[in-house]
Amino acid sequence: MLRVAKPTSPMSVGTWILTAYGPGAGLAGAAELMPPALRRTWVGALVRWLARPAGLSAAAVAPGVASYTAVLLSQTAVPAWHEAHPYLPFVFTGSAAASGGGWGMVLAPVAEAGPARRLAVVGAGLEIAASRLLEHPGLRRRTGCAGGRST
């Protein structure tokens, strides 16, 4: 998949997104989990020096990683998923933000969990708003209106 970048193929774009995300996230994670004894070596110094730019590059690509699955699902032959393509990435991204904020609240000390709380609230709000748009009764679907009675 990495031989050619094909913007019209969701799988090709997803492969490139994951390829861009993986090294930065891996290096930033390795810097966080590095044992104290290794931090005092030249390898530890190099990893610490590279960790911030690597984390920032992973953060720049993270929204694409969060919404990639929604794009892939919405390009299928299943009518419900295909018709949801304008809103489905926002549902997935909101869910990812809410989940990440939740894990941040679990793992961080209460006094330092403010940013995680805000991320969880914004993510939950985005997910709920996008889900409501999916249920909007006036939204035309291939098989009728959403929210209407089926006969």
Protein backbone atom coordinates (compact mmCIF):
# COMPACT_ATOMS: atom_id res chain seq x y z
CA MET A 1 0.00 0.00 0.00
CA LEU A 2 2.92 2.39 0.47
CA ARG A 3 4.14 2.11 -3.12
CA VAL A 4 1.55 4.59 -4.39
CA ALA A 5 -0.41 7.33 -2.66
CA LYS A 6 -3.93 7.13 -4.07
CA PRO A 7 -6.12 9.91 -2.61
CA THR A 8 -9.31 8.32 -3.96
CA SER A 9 -8.76 5.11 -1.97
CA PRO A 10 -9.68 5.26 1.73
CA MET A 11 -7.39 2.31 2.47
CA SER A 12 -4.42 3.98 0.78
CA VAL A 13 -4.99 7.24 2.67
CA GLY A 14 -5.40 5.31 5.92
CA THR A 15 -2.14 3.47 5.35
CA TRP A 16 -0.30 6.74 4.87
CA ILE A 17 -1.97 8.28 7.93
CA LEU A 18 -0.97 5.34 10.13
CA THR A 19 2.55 5.39 8.69
CA ALA A 20 2.87 9.07 9.60
CA TYR A 21 1.36 8.57 13.06
CA GLY A 22 3.15 5.42 14.25
CA PRO A 23 6.77 6.56 14.62
CA GLY A 24 5.92 9.79 16.43
CA ALA A 25 3.49 8.13 18.82
CA GLY A 26 5.89 5.25 19.41
CA LEU A 27 8.84 7.51 20.20
CA ALA A 28 6.78 9.74 22.49
CA GLY A 29 5.43 6.67 24.28
CA ALA A 30 8.91 5.18 24.62
CA ALA A 31 10.15 8.41 26.19
CA GLU A 32 7.34 8.31 28.75
CA LEU A 33 7.92 4.66 29.66
CA MET A 34 11.73 4.73 29.69
CA PRO A 35 13.24 3.34 32.91
CA PRO A 36 15.18 5.87 35.02
CA ALA A 37 18.46 3.99 34.56
CA LEU A 38 18.20 4.27 30.79
CA ARG A 39 17.32 7.98 30.96
CA ARG A 40 20.83 8.76 32.21
CA THR A 41 22.52 7.25 29.13
CA TRP A 42 23.13 8.89 25.76
CA VAL A 43 20.23 6.88 24.31
CA GLY A 44 17.93 8.32 26.97
CA ALA A 45 19.12 11.83 26.24
CA LEU A 46 18.51 11.33 22.52
CA VAL A 47 15.02 9.93 23.08
CA ARG A 48 14.12 12.79 25.45
CA TRP A 49 15.42 15.31 22.89
CA LEU A 50 13.30 13.77 20.10
CA ALA A 51 10.20 13.02 22.19
CA ARG A 52 8.54 16.45 22.04
CA PRO A 53 8.74 16.93 18.25
CA ALA A 54 7.68 13.30 17.80
CA GLY A 55 4.68 13.78 20.07
CA LEU A 56 3.70 16.98 18.27
CA SER A 57 3.88 15.24 14.90
CA ALA A 58 1.70 12.40 16.21
CA ALA A 59 -0.76 14.93 17.64
CA ALA A 60 -1.00 16.65 14.25
CA VAL A 61 -1.96 13.36 12.56
CA ALA A 62 -4.17 12.07 15.42
CA PRO A 63 -7.49 13.49 14.11
CA GLY A 64 -6.93 11.59 10.87
CA VAL A 65 -6.29 8.41 12.84
CA ALA A 66 -9.44 8.97 14.91
CA SER A 67 -11.70 9.51 11.90
CA TYR A 68 -10.10 7.07 9.45
CA THR A 69 -12.29 4.11 10.41
CA ALA A 70 -15.44 6.18 9.89
CA VAL A 71 -14.32 7.15 6.39
CA LEU A 72 -13.52 3.53 5.62
CA LEU A 73 -16.92 2.35 6.89
CA SER A 74 -18.84 5.06 5.06
CA GLN A 75 -17.32 3.99 1.74
CA THR A 76 -18.89 0.53 1.92
CA ALA A 77 -21.94 -0.83 0.17
CA VAL A 78 -24.00 -0.82 3.39
CA PRO A 79 -26.56 1.96 2.76
CA ALA A 80 -26.85 3.10 6.38
CA TRP A 81 -23.11 3.64 6.67
CA HIS A 82 -22.72 5.15 3.22
CA GLU A 83 -25.50 7.68 3.74
CA ALA A 84 -23.94 8.72 7.05
CA HIS A 85 -20.66 9.79 5.42
CA PRO A 86 -20.98 13.52 6.20
CA TYR A 87 -21.37 12.94 9.95
CA LEU A 88 -19.76 9.59 10.75
CA PRO A 89 -16.17 10.94 11.04
CA PHE A 90 -17.36 13.44 13.65
CA VAL A 91 -19.04 10.66 15.65
CA PHE A 92 -15.84 8.61 15.61
CA THR A 93 -13.58 11.58 16.41
CA GLY A 94 -15.84 12.70 19.26
CA SER A 95 -15.87 9.16 20.63
CA ALA A 96 -12.07 8.98 20.46
CA ALA A 97 -11.72 12.33 22.25
CA ALA A 98 -14.20 11.33 24.96
CA SER A 99 -12.42 7.99 25.46
CA GLY A 100 -9.00 9.64 25.57
CA GLY A 101 -10.24 12.20 28.07
CA GLY A 102 -11.74 9.43 30.18
CA TRP A 103 -8.46 7.52 30.27
CA GLY A 104 -6.67 10.77 31.08
CA MET A 105 -8.98 11.32 34.06
CA VAL A 106 -8.41 7.75 35.26
CA LEU A 107 -4.62 7.91 34.99
CA ALA A 108 -3.90 11.51 36.05
CA PRO A 109 -3.98 12.84 39.61
CA VAL A 110 -7.26 14.66 40.30
CA ALA A 111 -5.51 18.02 40.62
CA GLU A 112 -3.97 17.62 37.14
CA ALA A 113 -6.98 16.12 35.33
CA GLY A 114 -8.48 19.43 34.15
CA PRO A 115 -7.34 19.14 30.51
CA ALA A 116 -8.54 15.53 30.37
CA ARG A 117 -11.95 16.59 31.70
CA ARG A 118 -12.25 19.30 29.06
CA LEU A 119 -11.24 16.86 26.32
CA ALA A 120 -13.84 14.34 27.51
CA VAL A 121 -16.60 16.97 27.63
CA VAL A 122 -15.77 18.36 24.18
CA GLY A 123 -15.51 14.85 22.74
CA ALA A 124 -18.82 13.77 24.26
CA GLY A 125 -20.49 16.94 22.98
CA LEU A 126 -19.16 16.38 19.48
CA GLU A 127 -20.23 12.74 19.50
CA ILE A 128 -23.74 13.57 20.75
CA ALA A 129 -24.20 16.43 18.27
CA ALA A 130 -23.05 14.35 15.31
CA SER A 131 -25.19 11.40 16.42
CA ARG A 132 -28.22 13.69 16.63
CA LEU A 133 -27.57 14.88 13.09
CA LEU A 134 -27.58 11.25 11.97
CA GLU A 135 -31.04 10.83 13.50
CA HIS A 136 -32.46 14.05 12.05
CA PRO A 137 -35.94 13.25 10.72
CA GLY A 138 -35.60 15.47 7.65
CA LEU A 139 -32.36 13.92 6.45
CA ARG A 140 -33.01 12.03 3.23
CA ARG A 141 -31.85 8.45 3.05
CA ARG A 142 -31.76 6.12 0.12
CA THR A 143 -34.66 4.13 1.58
CA GLY A 144 -36.67 7.07 2.96
CA CYS A 145 -36.33 9.67 5.69
CA ALA A 146 -34.33 9.04 8.84
CA GLY A 147 -36.45 8.88 11.95
CA GLY A 148 -39.58 8.10 9.97
CA ARG A 149 -41.83 5.12 10.51
CA SER A 150 -41.05 2.07 8.48
CA THR A 151 -44.01 0.40 6.83
